[in-house]
């Protein structure tokens, strides 16, 4: 039975036991037993309500902890990607930095031009599709999802 129905039935039995006791049909022990059953049902309802409240508090705390953990993971991923980007940039400059400088120095001997334009010719912006492919490669290589 549901707890509310148990309480109603226990209260009805208690009232019935009291009526029978007044009529002399049952002993005081029967009334006490009916009252104990009723009090136990009420205690069970109180405990159930307290448990529900505790579950709600725990649920809220877990949600807050999950939000906090999710944020911490995102911050850590951002820092990790920054470090990877810095490492890749340093590796690139170690390999190609002098070559880019030499190419620019040679271009300056022939009239040069705009350095930003020169760089954009050397390193054109990848398309959105290519950026998706490159991101997938990075995620696979480093085992980190976005």
Protein backbone atom coordinates (compact mmCIF):
# COMPACT_ATOMS: atom_id res chain seq x y z
CA UNK A 1 0.00 0.00 0.00
CA UNK A 2 1.01 3.58 -0.52
CA UNK A 3 2.08 5.41 2.61
CA UNK A 4 -0.90 7.78 2.53
CA UNK A 5 -3.33 4.87 2.27
CA UNK A 6 -1.52 3.09 5.09
CA UNK A 7 -1.92 6.17 7.29
CA UNK A 8 -5.63 6.46 6.49
CA UNK A 9 -6.19 2.75 7.22
CA UNK A 10 -4.13 2.91 10.43
CA UNK A 11 -6.12 5.95 11.59
CA UNK A 12 -9.40 4.18 10.81
CA UNK A 13 -8.24 1.08 12.74
CA UNK A 14 -7.20 3.27 15.65
CA UNK A 15 -10.63 4.98 15.75
CA UNK A 16 -12.36 1.61 15.45
CA UNK A 17 -10.22 0.18 18.28
CA UNK A 18 -11.10 3.17 20.47
CA UNK A 19 -14.83 2.69 19.80
CA UNK A 20 -14.56 -1.04 20.57
CA UNK A 21 -12.54 -0.26 23.71
CA UNK A 22 -15.18 2.17 24.94
CA UNK A 23 -17.78 -0.54 24.36
CA UNK A 24 -15.57 -2.96 26.28
CA UNK A 25 -15.07 -5.25 23.30
CA UNK A 26 -11.25 -4.91 23.13
CA UNK A 27 -8.50 -4.33 25.65
CA UNK A 28 -6.35 -1.26 26.07
CA UNK A 29 -3.54 -3.24 24.44
CA UNK A 30 -5.51 -3.38 21.18
CA UNK A 31 -5.92 0.42 21.26
CA UNK A 32 -2.21 0.86 22.01
CA UNK A 33 -1.29 -1.46 19.13
CA UNK A 34 -3.55 0.46 16.73
CA UNK A 35 -2.04 3.75 17.94
CA UNK A 36 1.49 2.36 17.52
CA UNK A 37 0.67 1.26 13.96
CA UNK A 38 -0.69 4.73 13.20
CA UNK A 39 2.38 6.47 14.72
CA UNK A 40 4.71 4.18 12.77
CA UNK A 41 2.93 5.06 9.52
CA UNK A 42 3.28 8.77 10.35
CA UNK A 43 6.99 8.31 11.13
CA UNK A 44 7.43 6.48 7.85
CA UNK A 45 5.80 9.39 6.00
CA UNK A 46 8.08 11.86 7.79
CA UNK A 47 11.12 9.77 6.90
CA UNK A 48 9.95 9.51 3.30
CA UNK A 49 9.51 13.30 3.08
CA UNK A 50 12.94 13.88 4.63
CA UNK A 51 14.45 11.42 2.15
CA UNK A 52 12.80 13.22 -0.76
CA UNK A 53 14.19 16.53 0.50
CA UNK A 54 17.66 14.98 0.87
CA UNK A 55 17.48 13.60 -2.66
CA UNK A 56 16.56 17.05 -4.00
CA UNK A 57 19.47 18.66 -2.14
CA UNK A 58 21.87 15.97 -3.38
CA UNK A 59 20.54 16.36 -6.92
CA UNK A 60 21.12 20.11 -6.82
CA UNK A 61 24.62 19.68 -5.40
CA UNK A 62 25.49 17.07 -8.04
CA UNK A 63 24.24 19.37 -10.80
CA UNK A 64 26.39 22.20 -9.43
CA UNK A 65 29.41 19.89 -9.18
CA UNK A 66 28.85 18.67 -12.74
CA UNK A 67 28.66 22.26 -14.00
CA UNK A 68 31.82 23.14 -12.12
CA UNK A 69 33.63 20.03 -13.37
CA UNK A 70 32.49 20.67 -16.93
CA UNK A 71 33.81 24.22 -16.73
CA UNK A 72 37.12 23.01 -15.29
CA UNK A 73 37.46 20.46 -18.10
CA UNK A 74 36.75 23.16 -20.69
CA UNK A 75 39.34 25.48 -19.14
CA UNK A 76 41.88 22.64 -19.07
CA UNK A 77 41.17 21.80 -22.72
CA UNK A 78 41.60 25.43 -23.72
CA UNK A 79 44.93 25.64 -21.90
CA UNK A 80 46.04 22.36 -23.44
CA UNK A 81 45.15 23.52 -26.96
CA UNK A 82 47.00 26.79 -26.31
CA UNK A 83 50.09 24.82 -25.27
CA UNK A 84 49.81 22.56 -28.33
CA UNK A 85 49.43 25.61 -30.57
CA UNK A 86 52.48 27.24 -28.98
CA UNK A 87 54.53 24.06 -29.39
CA UNK A 88 53.50 23.69 -33.04
CA UNK A 89 54.31 27.36 -33.69
CA UNK A 90 57.76 27.00 -32.10
CA UNK A 91 58.43 23.81 -34.08
CA UNK A 92 57.38 25.55 -37.30
CA UNK A 93 59.66 28.52 -36.67
CA UNK A 94 62.55 26.21 -35.85
CA UNK A 95 62.06 24.48 -39.20
CA UNK A 96 60.89 27.30 -41.48
CA UNK A 97 61.50 30.58 -39.72
CA UNK A 98 64.85 31.29 -41.34
CA UNK A 99 63.55 30.23 -44.76
CA UNK A 100 60.65 32.70 -44.52
CA UNK A 101 63.13 35.40 -43.53
CA UNK A 102 65.40 34.57 -46.45
CA UNK A 103 62.48 34.64 -48.92
CA UNK A 104 61.37 38.03 -47.57
CA UNK A 105 64.93 39.38 -47.73
CA UNK A 106 65.15 38.30 -51.38
CA UNK A 107 61.78 39.90 -52.16
CA UNK A 108 62.95 43.16 -50.56
CA UNK A 109 65.85 43.25 -53.07
CA UNK A 110 63.31 43.31 -55.89
CA UNK A 111 61.07 45.99 -54.45
CA UNK A 112 59.58 43.93 -51.67
CA UNK A 113 55.99 44.69 -51.18
CA UNK A 114 53.65 44.33 -48.27
CA UNK A 115 54.80 41.86 -45.63
CA UNK A 116 51.24 40.86 -44.61
CA UNK A 117 50.39 40.16 -48.26
CA UNK A 118 53.60 38.16 -48.57
CA UNK A 119 52.66 36.07 -45.51
CA UNK A 120 49.10 35.53 -46.75
CA UNK A 121 50.52 34.25 -50.06
CA UNK A 122 52.84 31.86 -48.23
CA UNK A 123 50.16 30.75 -45.77
CA UNK A 124 46.70 31.16 -47.27
CA UNK A 125 43.73 30.82 -44.92
CA UNK A 126 42.32 27.27 -45.15
CA UNK A 127 38.68 26.80 -46.12
CA UNK A 128 36.11 25.95 -43.44
CA UNK A 129 36.01 22.37 -44.73
CA UNK A 130 39.80 22.11 -44.49
CA UNK A 131 39.72 23.61 -40.98
CA UNK A 132 37.26 20.87 -39.95
CA UNK A 133 39.62 18.25 -41.36
CA UNK A 134 42.60 19.80 -39.60
CA UNK A 135 40.70 19.93 -36.29
CA UNK A 136 39.78 16.26 -36.68
CA UNK A 137 43.46 15.45 -37.30
CA UNK A 138 44.52 17.38 -34.19
CA UNK A 139 41.89 15.68 -32.05
CA UNK A 140 42.98 12.27 -33.32
CA UNK A 141 46.69 13.02 -32.91
CA UNK A 142 46.38 14.41 -29.38
CA UNK A 143 43.37 12.37 -28.24
CA UNK A 144 41.46 15.46 -27.11
CA UNK A 145 37.94 16.27 -28.24
CA UNK A 146 36.65 19.81 -28.52
